[in-house]
Amino acid sequence: MDYELPVGWKWCKQNEVCRLTDGEKKTDVSYPYLEVKYLRGNKEKDFVTSGKFIKAGTKVILVDGENSGEVFTVPEDGYMGSTFKALSIQNVDEKYLQFFIQTKKDLYRNNKKGSAIPHLNKDLFFNMPFPLPPTLTEQQRIVSRIESLFTKLDEAKDKAQSVVDGFELRRAAVLHKAFTGELTAKWRKDTVSDDSWEEKTIGECCTVVRGGSPRPAGDPKYYDGTIPFMKVADITGNDSKYVCSTQFTIKEAGLHKTRMVEPDTLLLTNSGATLGVPAITKIKTTFNDGIAAFLNLPKESNLYFYYFFTSKTTELRAINMGAAQPNLNIDIIKSITIPVPTLAEQQEIVRILDTVLEKETRAKEATQTVLDQIALLKKSILARAFRGEL
């Protein structure tokens, strides 16, 4: 036992307060077959006429798979899936036991038996030291206190999660206002500059080219040299507007099979599930055929075009090019229309977007920290509960 219990409490083994059973065998009666996916909320189910019957309201525990040790309540009569067993509880409040099992889930997951399909380590489960309060009343008081604290934390979590979940919607709304002129309406009114906007295609604004890849990929004849070679992952794995390094390099022998661009060139991923992600390279680099580059675009317009493509990512991924692998060809990119205000207004739009989106990002990160802290608080509450400190 790793800590001292309050007076009146005692240590016992978990097998003294619960058993794992297979349910009642039945045949010739039709019931739904209750699999783990059903317990997790997928209400699609098949009906079978035999199996191990289990009643609605029964507690079950997963004994196979990565989430071994997780406890559910069966919502309706049915036949048990093969990956869980009924949790028969005795001599203890069932919620008290459930909360205790919850504190040990990571331990059960990290000590599973079997290789192909890992199983719950039943020796570990049944021999787990279990802190038992002297009366059912005290167990129920502890459960009530846990539930009260968890309710408050869950309310805070819901509010925090709504902030995180709403991040993309708020960002999309701000970007929409930016490229419809709404974001800088007051700025235009307060300045004497030309307030006209032009509708242009990307092809009218710059030259769009696609990269290339020395093949065969990884051939030492072409790869592992000193020349940066940018791939899609270098862009999509980077949270910044700018990309400053590449994972791969090539040799001079590979130069004729790819393209080189100068620093401060706008790039756009154009292939695969992560197409439509823009970035501005800060290094002179070659790049593969999953990336398009925008040449002859004024450096002062880079960030305006970057934000424009950021606003279009979802739309670009929805374009059906009729291929198994999503792919934006150069003609599609060149035909995209973009509203183009004066350079002064472009820079004002970028200034506002930088400020607003940075605040949103900080708020999202802070809220994610709150969510992490709530999870830690719950673990702390449970740890105190089973030491008698609540």
Protein backbone atom coordinates (compact mmCIF):
# COMPACT_ATOMS: atom_id res chain seq x y z
CA MET A 1 0.00 0.00 0.00
CA ASP A 2 1.53 3.32 -1.02
CA TYR A 3 -0.18 5.74 1.40
CA GLU A 4 -1.85 5.78 4.79
CA LEU A 5 -5.65 5.70 4.93
CA PRO A 6 -7.88 7.63 7.35
CA VAL A 7 -8.99 5.97 10.57
CA GLY A 8 -11.71 3.40 9.89
CA TRP A 9 -10.74 2.84 6.25
CA LYS A 10 -9.00 -0.35 5.18
CA TRP A 11 -7.10 -1.72 2.24
CA CYS A 12 -8.54 -4.70 0.38
CA LYS A 13 -8.11 -6.24 -3.05
CA GLN A 14 -10.35 -5.14 -5.89
CA ASN A 15 -11.60 -8.71 -6.29
CA GLU A 16 -13.32 -8.32 -2.91
CA VAL A 17 -15.65 -5.65 -4.28
CA CYS A 18 -16.28 -6.73 -7.88
CA ARG A 19 -16.30 -9.62 -10.32
CA LEU A 20 -16.22 -9.88 -14.10
CA THR A 21 -18.96 -12.06 -15.59
CA ASP A 22 -20.06 -13.16 -19.05
CA GLY A 23 -23.78 -12.59 -18.72
CA GLU A 24 -26.60 -15.09 -19.09
CA LYS A 25 -26.49 -17.38 -22.12
CA LYS A 26 -29.69 -17.27 -24.19
CA THR A 27 -30.84 -18.72 -27.51
CA ASP A 28 -33.83 -18.30 -29.83
CA VAL A 29 -34.57 -14.79 -28.52
CA SER A 30 -33.80 -11.80 -30.73
CA TYR A 31 -31.80 -8.97 -29.11
CA PRO A 32 -29.41 -6.35 -30.46
CA TYR A 33 -25.73 -7.25 -30.49
CA LEU A 34 -24.09 -4.56 -28.35
CA GLU A 35 -20.58 -3.80 -29.55
CA VAL A 36 -18.15 -1.21 -28.20
CA LYS A 37 -19.01 1.26 -30.99
CA TYR A 38 -22.63 1.09 -29.79
CA LEU A 39 -21.59 1.81 -26.21
CA ARG A 40 -19.69 4.83 -27.55
CA GLY A 41 -22.82 6.27 -29.15
CA ASN A 42 -23.15 4.61 -32.57
CA LYS A 43 -26.74 3.36 -32.39
CA GLU A 44 -26.55 1.22 -35.52
CA LYS A 45 -26.89 -2.39 -34.44
CA ASP A 46 -27.56 -5.87 -35.71
CA PHE A 47 -30.07 -8.26 -34.14
CA VAL A 48 -29.04 -11.81 -33.30
CA THR A 49 -30.91 -14.73 -31.74
CA SER A 50 -28.29 -16.06 -29.35
CA GLY A 51 -25.46 -14.87 -27.16
CA LYS A 52 -24.61 -13.74 -23.65
CA PHE A 53 -27.56 -11.68 -22.48
CA ILE A 54 -27.06 -8.48 -20.53
CA LYS A 55 -29.70 -6.20 -19.02
CA ALA A 56 -30.02 -2.47 -19.53
CA GLY A 57 -28.28 -0.51 -16.77
CA THR A 58 -25.56 -3.11 -16.23
CA LYS A 59 -22.04 -1.81 -15.84
CA VAL A 60 -19.55 -3.33 -18.28
CA ILE A 61 -15.78 -3.00 -18.63
CA LEU A 62 -13.67 -3.29 -21.78
CA VAL A 63 -11.27 -6.20 -21.54
CA ASP A 64 -9.83 -6.13 -25.09
CA GLY A 65 -8.21 -3.41 -27.16
CA GLU A 66 -6.39 -0.19 -26.49
CA ASN A 67 -9.01 1.16 -24.08
CA SER A 68 -9.08 -1.84 -21.76
CA GLY A 69 -10.37 -0.82 -18.33
CA GLU A 70 -12.93 1.70 -19.57
CA VAL A 71 -16.37 1.33 -17.93
CA PHE A 72 -19.76 1.86 -19.60
CA THR A 73 -23.41 1.51 -18.65
CA VAL A 74 -25.44 -0.65 -21.04
CA PRO A 75 -28.38 1.43 -22.35
CA GLU A 76 -30.68 -1.44 -23.37
CA ASP A 77 -31.14 -5.20 -23.15
CA GLY A 78 -28.95 -7.08 -25.58
CA TYR A 79 -26.20 -9.60 -26.18
CA MET A 80 -22.70 -8.68 -25.00
CA GLY A 81 -19.99 -7.91 -27.51
CA SER A 82 -16.87 -10.03 -27.22
CA THR A 83 -14.63 -7.17 -26.10
CA PHE A 84 -16.26 -6.44 -22.74
CA LYS A 85 -17.55 -8.20 -19.65
CA ALA A 86 -20.21 -7.38 -17.09
CA LEU A 87 -18.86 -5.66 -14.00
CA SER A 88 -20.61 -7.21 -11.01
CA ILE A 89 -20.23 -4.93 -7.95
CA GLN A 90 -20.54 -6.05 -4.34
CA ASN A 91 -19.87 -4.63 -0.86
CA VAL A 92 -19.24 -1.13 -2.21
CA ASP A 93 -21.08 1.81 -3.81
CA GLU A 94 -20.92 1.21 -7.55
CA LYS A 95 -20.07 4.83 -8.43
CA TYR A 96 -17.29 4.83 -5.85
CA LEU A 97 -15.81 1.77 -7.58
CA GLN A 98 -16.26 3.30 -11.03
CA PHE A 99 -14.42 6.45 -10.04
CA PHE A 100 -11.61 4.36 -8.56
CA ILE A 101 -11.29 2.29 -11.75
CA GLN A 102 -11.13 5.57 -13.68
CA THR A 103 -8.00 6.53 -11.74
CA LYS A 104 -6.31 3.32 -12.89
CA LYS A 105 -7.18 3.41 -16.61
CA ASP A 106 -3.71 4.46 -17.71
CA LEU A 107 -2.17 1.73 -15.56
CA TYR A 108 -4.45 -0.91 -17.13
CA ARG A 109 -3.73 0.34 -20.64
CA ASN A 110 0.01 0.25 -20.09
CA ASN A 111 -0.04 -3.26 -18.61
CA LYS A 112 -2.23 -5.17 -21.06
CA LYS A 113 -1.55 -8.80 -21.94
CA GLY A 114 -1.39 -10.27 -25.43
CA SER A 115 0.23 -9.02 -28.61
CA ALA A 116 -2.27 -9.15 -31.50
CA ILE A 117 -5.26 -7.86 -29.49
CA PRO A 118 -4.16 -6.65 -26.05
CA HIS A 119 -6.31 -7.81 -23.14
CA LEU A 120 -7.00 -6.39 -19.70
CA ASN A 121 -4.47 -7.77 -17.23
CA LYS A 122 -6.96 -9.49 -14.91
CA ASP A 123 -4.33 -10.39 -12.32
CA LEU A 124 -3.48 -6.71 -12.03
CA PHE A 125 -7.17 -5.77 -12.02
CA PHE A 126 -8.27 -8.18 -9.32
CA ASN A 127 -5.22 -7.68 -7.11
CA MET A 128 -5.36 -3.90 -7.28
CA PRO A 129 -5.17 -2.44 -3.73
CA PHE A 130 -8.55 -0.83 -3.08
CA PRO A 131 -9.16 1.86 -0.40
CA LEU A 132 -12.45 0.98 1.29
CA PRO A 133 -14.25 3.50 3.53
CA PRO A 134 -16.03 1.90 6.51
CA THR A 135 -19.63 2.68 5.53
CA LEU A 136 -21.74 2.94 2.43
CA THR A 137 -22.83 6.38 3.63
CA GLU A 138 -19.26 7.68 3.59
CA GLN A 139 -18.65 6.18 0.15
CA GLN A 140 -21.77 7.96 -1.12
CA ARG A 141 -20.66 11.25 0.47
CA ILE A 142 -17.36 10.96 -1.40
CA VAL A 143 -19.16 10.21 -4.66
CA SER A 144 -21.48 13.19 -4.12
CA ARG A 145 -18.50 15.48 -3.55
CA ILE A 146 -16.70 14.20 -6.66
CA GLU A 147 -19.82 14.66 -8.79
CA SER A 148 -20.39 18.17 -7.45
CA LEU A 149 -16.83 19.24 -8.27
CA PHE A 150 -16.88 17.48 -11.65
CA THR A 151 -20.16 19.22 -12.57
CA LYS A 152 -18.55 22.62 -12.01
CA LEU A 153 -15.46 21.60 -13.95
CA ASP A 154 -17.58 20.23 -16.80
CA GLU A 155 -19.45 23.54 -17.02
CA ALA A 156 -16.13 25.36 -17.26
CA LYS A 157 -14.91 22.82 -19.80
CA ASP A 158 -17.98 23.30 -22.02
CA LYS A 159 -17.44 27.05 -22.06
CA ALA A 160 -13.75 26.69 -22.78
CA GLN A 161 -14.38 24.09 -25.48
CA SER A 162 -16.86 26.41 -27.20
CA VAL A 163 -14.07 29.00 -27.45
CA VAL A 164 -11.72 26.46 -29.03
CA ASP A 165 -14.41 25.04 -31.33
CA GLY A 166 -15.42 28.50 -32.49
CA PHE A 167 -11.89 29.53 -33.45
CA GLU A 168 -12.13 28.44 -37.09
CA LEU A 169 -15.57 30.05 -37.50
CA ARG A 170 -14.36 33.35 -36.05
CA ARG A 171 -11.25 33.27 -38.22
CA ALA A 172 -13.31 32.53 -41.33
CA ALA A 173 -15.65 35.42 -40.49
CA VAL A 174 -12.77 37.88 -40.11
CA LEU A 175 -11.16 36.71 -43.35
CA HIS A 176 -14.50 37.02 -45.17
CA LYS A 177 -14.81 40.63 -44.00
CA ALA A 178 -11.25 41.29 -45.13
CA PHE A 179 -11.86 40.28 -48.74
CA THR A 180 -15.30 41.88 -49.10
CA GLY A 181 -14.01 45.30 -48.00
CA GLU A 182 -15.96 45.34 -44.74
CA LEU A 183 -12.87 45.12 -42.55
CA THR A 184 -11.40 48.36 -43.93
CA ALA A 185 -14.61 50.27 -44.63
CA LYS A 186 -13.88 52.87 -41.95
CA TRP A 187 -10.26 53.14 -43.06
CA ARG A 188 -11.36 53.93 -46.61
CA LYS A 189 -13.82 56.51 -45.35
CA ASP A 190 -11.15 58.21 -43.24
CA THR A 191 -8.50 58.34 -45.97
CA VAL A 192 -8.31 60.24 -49.21
CA SER A 193 -6.64 57.42 -51.10
CA ASP A 194 -8.16 55.64 -54.05
CA ASP A 195 -10.79 53.27 -52.64
CA SER A 196 -11.39 51.27 -55.82
CA TRP A 197 -11.14 47.49 -55.81
CA GLU A 198 -10.43 45.43 -58.91
CA GLU A 199 -11.48 41.85 -59.52
CA LYS A 200 -8.55 39.98 -61.07
CA THR A 201 -7.54 36.40 -61.65
CA ILE A 202 -4.44 35.06 -59.97
CA GLY A 203 -2.97 34.56 -63.44
CA GLU A 204 -3.34 38.29 -64.11
CA CYS A 205 -1.50 39.16 -60.90
CA CYS A 206 1.54 36.89 -61.20
CA THR A 207 3.08 33.85 -62.84
CA VAL A 208 2.04 30.53 -61.32
CA VAL A 209 4.45 27.59 -61.60
CA ARG A 210 4.55 24.13 -60.16
CA GLY A 211 7.59 22.49 -58.63
CA GLY A 212 9.21 19.24 -59.62
CA SER A 213 10.70 16.20 -57.92
CA PRO A 214 13.91 14.39 -58.87
CA ARG A 215 12.99 10.75 -59.37
CA PRO A 216 13.35 8.11 -58.21
CA ALA A 217 12.64 9.64 -54.82
CA GLY A 218 15.53 9.30 -52.39
CA ASP A 219 18.02 8.37 -55.10
CA PRO A 220 21.46 9.29 -53.68
CA LYS A 221 22.36 10.58 -57.12
CA TYR A 222 19.95 13.49 -56.52
CA TYR A 223 19.25 13.68 -52.79
CA ASP A 224 21.10 14.46 -49.53
CA GLY A 225 23.08 17.38 -50.87
CA THR A 226 23.30 21.01 -49.74
CA ILE A 227 20.38 22.54 -51.65
CA PRO A 228 17.09 22.91 -49.72
CA PHE A 229 14.23 20.85 -51.20
CA MET A 230 10.80 21.80 -49.90
CA LYS A 231 7.95 19.31 -49.60
CA VAL A 232 4.30 19.73 -48.65
CA ALA A 233 4.98 18.64 -45.06
CA ASP A 234 7.44 21.50 -44.60
CA ILE A 235 4.53 23.89 -45.16
CA THR A 236 1.65 22.04 -43.51
CA GLY A 237 3.71 21.08 -40.46
CA ASN A 238 4.49 24.72 -39.76
CA ASP A 239 2.16 27.05 -37.81
CA SER A 240 3.84 30.23 -39.03
CA LYS A 241 3.12 32.27 -42.16
CA TYR A 242 6.76 31.71 -43.03
CA VAL A 243 8.74 28.57 -43.72
CA CYS A 244 12.44 28.84 -42.97
CA SER A 245 13.82 25.33 -43.38
CA THR A 246 13.32 22.06 -45.23
CA GLN A 247 13.62 18.49 -44.05
CA PHE A 248 15.19 17.31 -47.30
CA THR A 249 18.00 18.48 -49.54
CA ILE A 250 19.12 17.70 -53.06
CA LYS A 251 22.37 17.81 -55.03
CA GLU A 252 23.12 19.91 -58.10
CA ALA A 253 22.36 16.86 -60.25
CA GLY A 254 18.71 17.17 -59.24
CA LEU A 255 18.32 20.85 -60.10
CA HIS A 256 17.20 20.23 -63.69
CA LYS A 257 14.32 18.10 -62.36
CA THR A 258 12.83 20.74 -60.05
CA ARG A 259 12.50 24.53 -59.63
CA MET A 260 14.31 27.09 -57.53
CA VAL A 261 12.66 30.16 -56.00
CA GLU A 262 14.08 33.15 -54.19
CA PRO A 263 13.33 34.13 -50.57
CA ASP A 264 10.00 35.92 -49.98
CA THR A 265 8.17 33.85 -52.58
CA LEU A 266 4.57 32.85 -51.83
CA LEU A 267 3.93 29.11 -52.08
CA LEU A 268 0.74 27.02 -52.00
CA THR A 269 0.31 23.29 -51.44
CA ASN A 270 -1.63 21.91 -54.41
CA SER A 271 -1.75 18.16 -53.90
CA GLY A 272 -3.17 15.67 -51.42
CA ALA A 273 -5.48 16.02 -48.47
CA THR A 274 -3.61 19.09 -47.21
CA LEU A 275 -3.77 21.14 -50.39
CA GLY A 276 -4.63 24.83 -50.24
CA VAL A 277 -2.17 25.79 -47.47
CA PRO A 278 -0.11 28.92 -48.23
CA ALA A 279 3.29 29.91 -46.84
CA ILE A 280 6.03 32.40 -47.66
CA THR A 281 9.51 30.95 -47.96
CA LYS A 282 12.28 32.91 -46.24
CA ILE A 283 15.01 30.87 -47.89
CA LYS A 284 16.14 30.22 -51.42
CA THR A 285 14.81 26.73 -52.11
CA THR A 286 13.77 24.14 -54.61
CA PHE A 287 10.33 22.59 -54.17
CA ASN A 288 8.43 19.49 -55.25
CA ASP A 289 5.44 19.04 -57.53
CA GLY A 290 3.00 19.16 -54.61
CA ILE A 291 3.66 22.89 -54.31
CA ALA A 292 2.90 25.87 -56.57
CA ALA A 293 4.86 29.14 -56.48
CA PHE A 294 3.68 32.66 -57.33
CA LEU A 295 6.43 34.45 -59.26
CA ASN A 296 6.60 38.16 -60.07
CA LEU A 297 4.22 38.95 -57.23
CA PRO A 298 5.24 42.20 -55.52
CA LYS A 299 6.85 41.42 -52.17
CA GLU A 300 4.58 44.04 -50.57
CA SER A 301 1.52 41.96 -51.60
CA ASN A 302 2.77 38.63 -50.28
CA LEU A 303 0.88 38.73 -46.99
CA TYR A 304 -2.33 39.99 -48.61
CA PHE A 305 -2.26 37.03 -51.02
CA TYR A 306 -1.23 34.71 -48.17
CA TYR A 307 -4.33 35.65 -46.18
CA PHE A 308 -6.49 35.40 -49.29
CA PHE A 309 -5.44 31.79 -49.86
CA THR A 310 -5.84 31.07 -46.15
CA SER A 311 -9.46 32.16 -46.54
CA LYS A 312 -9.87 29.81 -49.52
CA THR A 313 -8.34 26.60 -48.12
CA THR A 314 -11.66 24.86 -47.38
CA GLU A 315 -13.14 25.95 -50.70
CA LEU A 316 -10.11 24.72 -52.66
CA ARG A 317 -10.25 21.31 -50.97
CA ALA A 318 -13.89 20.99 -52.01
CA ILE A 319 -13.05 21.31 -55.71
CA ASN A 320 -13.56 17.94 -57.39
CA MET A 321 -10.77 17.42 -59.89
CA GLY A 322 -12.02 13.93 -60.77
CA ALA A 323 -8.93 12.13 -59.48
CA ALA A 324 -8.31 9.78 -56.60
CA GLN A 325 -5.56 12.11 -55.33
CA PRO A 326 -6.87 15.69 -54.88
CA ASN A 327 -4.82 17.99 -57.06
CA LEU A 328 -5.02 21.68 -57.96
CA ASN A 329 -3.56 22.09 -61.42
CA ILE A 330 -1.96 25.35 -62.46
CA ASP A 331 -4.89 26.37 -64.68
CA ILE A 332 -7.31 26.10 -61.76
CA ILE A 333 -5.05 28.22 -59.55
CA LYS A 334 -4.57 30.84 -62.28
CA SER A 335 -8.33 31.12 -62.82
CA ILE A 336 -9.11 31.89 -59.16
CA THR A 337 -10.41 35.45 -58.80
CA ILE A 338 -9.13 37.77 -56.10
CA PRO A 339 -10.34 41.24 -55.08
CA VAL A 340 -7.38 43.59 -55.34
CA PRO A 341 -7.50 46.95 -53.54
CA THR A 342 -4.70 49.52 -53.58
CA LEU A 343 -1.38 48.51 -52.08
CA ALA A 344 -2.03 50.85 -49.13
CA GLU A 345 -5.32 49.12 -48.37
CA GLN A 346 -3.77 45.69 -48.80
CA GLN A 347 -1.26 46.61 -46.11
CA GLU A 348 -3.99 47.94 -43.82
CA ILE A 349 -5.95 44.70 -44.24
CA VAL A 350 -2.83 42.70 -43.37
CA ARG A 351 -2.19 44.90 -40.31
CA ILE A 352 -5.72 44.34 -39.00
CA LEU A 353 -5.65 40.61 -39.73
CA ASP A 354 -2.27 40.21 -38.02
CA THR A 355 -3.64 41.92 -34.91
CA VAL A 356 -7.04 40.21 -34.76
CA LEU A 357 -5.88 36.71 -35.63
CA GLU A 358 -2.94 36.91 -33.22
CA LYS A 359 -5.38 37.75 -30.42
CA GLU A 360 -7.62 34.86 -31.47
CA THR A 361 -4.68 32.47 -31.54
CA ARG A 362 -3.55 33.55 -28.07
CA ALA A 363 -7.10 33.15 -26.77
CA LYS A 364 -7.32 29.67 -28.27
CA GLU A 365 -3.97 28.64 -26.78
CA ALA A 366 -4.92 30.01 -23.36
CA THR A 367 -8.25 28.22 -23.48
CA GLN A 368 -6.58 24.96 -24.49
CA THR A 369 -4.37 25.36 -21.43
CA VAL A 370 -7.52 25.70 -19.32
CA LEU A 371 -8.86 22.46 -20.81
CA ASP A 372 -5.60 20.69 -19.96
CA GLN A 373 -5.76 22.07 -16.41
CA ILE A 374 -9.35 20.85 -15.99
CA ALA A 375 -8.25 17.32 -16.90
CA LEU A 376 -5.43 17.55 -14.34
CA LEU A 377 -7.81 18.94 -11.72
CA LYS A 378 -10.11 15.95 -12.18
CA LYS A 379 -7.20 13.58 -11.63
CA SER A 380 -6.21 15.53 -8.54
CA ILE A 381 -9.75 15.41 -7.15
CA LEU A 382 -9.92 11.65 -7.62
CA ALA A 383 -6.51 11.15 -6.04
CA ARG A 384 -7.63 13.13 -2.97
CA ALA A 385 -10.95 11.29 -2.86
CA PHE A 386 -9.32 7.90 -2.44
CA ARG A 387 -7.00 9.21 0.27
CA GLY A 388 -9.99 10.37 2.29
CA GLU A 389 -9.06 14.03 1.77
CA LEU A 390 -12.41 15.19 0.34
